[in-house]
């Protein structure tokens, strides 16, 4: 398991479709951005990620070709 730290933010994806919803990204402290794979349907908010939006966080998980497949998220200290 790997740790990723940075600032969590979201963008609206699939605008104008029935699948319109948030996608999540982690802006690392070197300013690189990584996609965080949500555990919800395309049109839904991720109930674990959403409360941490616009905050510095620590994400535990594995990197895949699609992005970070997270197992946990917590406030960054």
C-alpha atoms as a PDB file:
ATOM      1  CA  UNK A   1       0.000   0.000   0.000  1.00  0.00           C
ATOM      2  CA  UNK A   2       1.238   3.491  -0.862  1.00  0.00           C
ATOM      3  CA  UNK A   3       0.583   6.898   0.680  1.00  0.00           C
ATOM      4  CA  UNK A   4      -0.235   9.961  -1.395  1.00  0.00           C
ATOM      5  CA  UNK A   5      -0.427  13.452   0.090  1.00  0.00           C
ATOM      6  CA  UNK A   6      -1.765  16.684  -1.320  1.00  0.00           C
ATOM      7  CA  UNK A   7      -4.838  18.826  -1.897  1.00  0.00           C
ATOM      8  CA  UNK A   8      -8.100  17.101  -2.905  1.00  0.00           C
ATOM      9  CA  UNK A   9     -10.324  18.831  -5.446  1.00  0.00           C
ATOM     10  CA  UNK A  10     -13.002  17.887  -7.958  1.00  0.00           C
ATOM     11  CA  UNK A  11     -14.218  18.821 -11.415  1.00  0.00           C
ATOM     12  CA  UNK A  12     -17.544  18.180 -13.064  1.00  0.00           C
ATOM     13  CA  UNK A  13     -17.305  15.510 -15.770  1.00  0.00           C
ATOM     14  CA  UNK A  14     -19.680  14.293 -18.476  1.00  0.00           C
ATOM     15  CA  UNK A  15     -21.440  17.672 -18.491  1.00  0.00           C
ATOM     16  CA  UNK A  16     -24.872  17.599 -20.110  1.00  0.00           C
ATOM     17  CA  UNK A  17     -25.272  13.822 -19.924  1.00  0.00           C
ATOM     18  CA  UNK A  18     -27.102  11.534 -17.535  1.00  0.00           C
ATOM     19  CA  UNK A  19     -23.669  10.551 -16.173  1.00  0.00           C
ATOM     20  CA  UNK A  20     -22.741  14.123 -15.166  1.00  0.00           C
ATOM     21  CA  UNK A  21     -20.946  14.083 -11.843  1.00  0.00           C
ATOM     22  CA  UNK A  22     -17.751  14.877  -9.962  1.00  0.00           C
ATOM     23  CA  UNK A  23     -14.317  13.430 -10.671  1.00  0.00           C
ATOM     24  CA  UNK A  24     -11.675  13.723  -7.968  1.00  0.00           C
ATOM     25  CA  UNK A  25      -8.028  14.743  -8.199  1.00  0.00           C
ATOM     26  CA  UNK A  26      -5.131  14.984  -5.802  1.00  0.00           C
ATOM     27  CA  UNK A  27      -2.797  17.932  -6.376  1.00  0.00           C
ATOM     28  CA  UNK A  28       0.484  16.780  -4.893  1.00  0.00           C
ATOM     29  CA  UNK A  29       2.846  19.205  -3.205  1.00  0.00           C
ATOM     30  CA  UNK A  30       5.080  19.191  -6.336  1.00  0.00           C
ATOM     31  CA  UNK A  31       1.928  20.377  -8.217  1.00  0.00           C
ATOM     32  CA  UNK A  32       1.441  17.125 -10.172  1.00  0.00           C
ATOM     33  CA  UNK A  33      -2.203  16.041 -10.347  1.00  0.00           C
ATOM     34  CA  UNK A  34      -3.372  12.457  -9.930  1.00  0.00           C
ATOM     35  CA  UNK A  35      -6.860  11.162 -10.636  1.00  0.00           C
ATOM     36  CA  UNK A  36      -8.490   9.529  -7.594  1.00  0.00           C
ATOM     37  CA  UNK A  37     -10.849   6.723  -8.594  1.00  0.00           C
ATOM     38  CA  UNK A  38     -14.149   7.208  -6.826  1.00  0.00           C
ATOM     39  CA  UNK A  39     -16.148   4.350  -5.355  1.00  0.00           C
ATOM     40  CA  UNK A  40     -19.542   5.492  -6.635  1.00  0.00           C
ATOM     41  CA  UNK A  41     -21.486   5.706  -9.883  1.00  0.00           C
ATOM     42  CA  UNK A  42     -20.351   8.331 -12.399  1.00  0.00           C
ATOM     43  CA  UNK A  43     -23.173  10.734 -11.497  1.00  0.00           C
ATOM     44  CA  UNK A  44     -22.823  10.355  -7.719  1.00  0.00           C
ATOM     45  CA  UNK A  45     -20.554  11.965  -5.144  1.00  0.00           C
ATOM     46  CA  UNK A  46     -18.134   9.617  -3.385  1.00  0.00           C
ATOM     47  CA  UNK A  47     -19.291   9.646   0.247  1.00  0.00           C
ATOM     48  CA  UNK A  48     -15.746   9.060   1.584  1.00  0.00           C
ATOM     49  CA  UNK A  49     -13.921  11.572  -0.614  1.00  0.00           C
ATOM     50  CA  UNK A  50     -16.463  14.388  -0.777  1.00  0.00           C
ATOM     51  CA  UNK A  51     -16.140  15.538   2.879  1.00  0.00           C
ATOM     52  CA  UNK A  52     -12.398  16.084   2.292  1.00  0.00           C
ATOM     53  CA  UNK A  53     -12.774  18.351  -0.756  1.00  0.00           C
ATOM     54  CA  UNK A  54     -10.670  21.511  -0.696  1.00  0.00           C
ATOM     55  CA  UNK A  55      -8.467  20.167   2.086  1.00  0.00           C
ATOM     56  CA  UNK A  56      -4.967  18.740   2.391  1.00  0.00           C
ATOM     57  CA  UNK A  57      -5.264  14.975   2.742  1.00  0.00           C
ATOM     58  CA  UNK A  58      -3.374  11.716   2.988  1.00  0.00           C
ATOM     59  CA  UNK A  59      -4.693   8.907   0.789  1.00  0.00           C
ATOM     60  CA  UNK A  60      -3.742   5.269   1.245  1.00  0.00           C
ATOM     61  CA  UNK A  61      -4.066   3.038  -1.799  1.00  0.00           C
ATOM     62  CA  UNK A  62      -2.476   1.702  -4.943  1.00  0.00           C
ATOM     63  CA  UNK A  63      -1.589   3.463  -8.173  1.00  0.00           C
ATOM     64  CA  UNK A  64      -3.180   1.976 -11.293  1.00  0.00           C
ATOM     65  CA  UNK A  65      -3.166   3.156 -14.926  1.00  0.00           C
ATOM     66  CA  UNK A  66      -6.515   4.904 -14.239  1.00  0.00           C
ATOM     67  CA  UNK A  67      -5.340   6.688 -11.080  1.00  0.00           C
ATOM     68  CA  UNK A  68      -5.240   6.106  -7.338  1.00  0.00           C
ATOM     69  CA  UNK A  69      -7.433   3.205  -6.187  1.00  0.00           C
ATOM     70  CA  UNK A  70      -7.853   4.366  -2.596  1.00  0.00           C
ATOM     71  CA  UNK A  71      -8.554   2.328   0.523  1.00  0.00           C
ATOM     72  CA  UNK A  72      -8.639   5.199   3.033  1.00  0.00           C
ATOM     73  CA  UNK A  73      -8.438   8.975   3.258  1.00  0.00           C
ATOM     74  CA  UNK A  74      -7.628  11.191   6.234  1.00  0.00           C
ATOM     75  CA  UNK A  75      -6.742  14.788   7.040  1.00  0.00           C
ATOM     76  CA  UNK A  76      -3.113  15.658   6.323  1.00  0.00           C
ATOM     77  CA  UNK A  77      -0.971  16.454   9.341  1.00  0.00           C
END
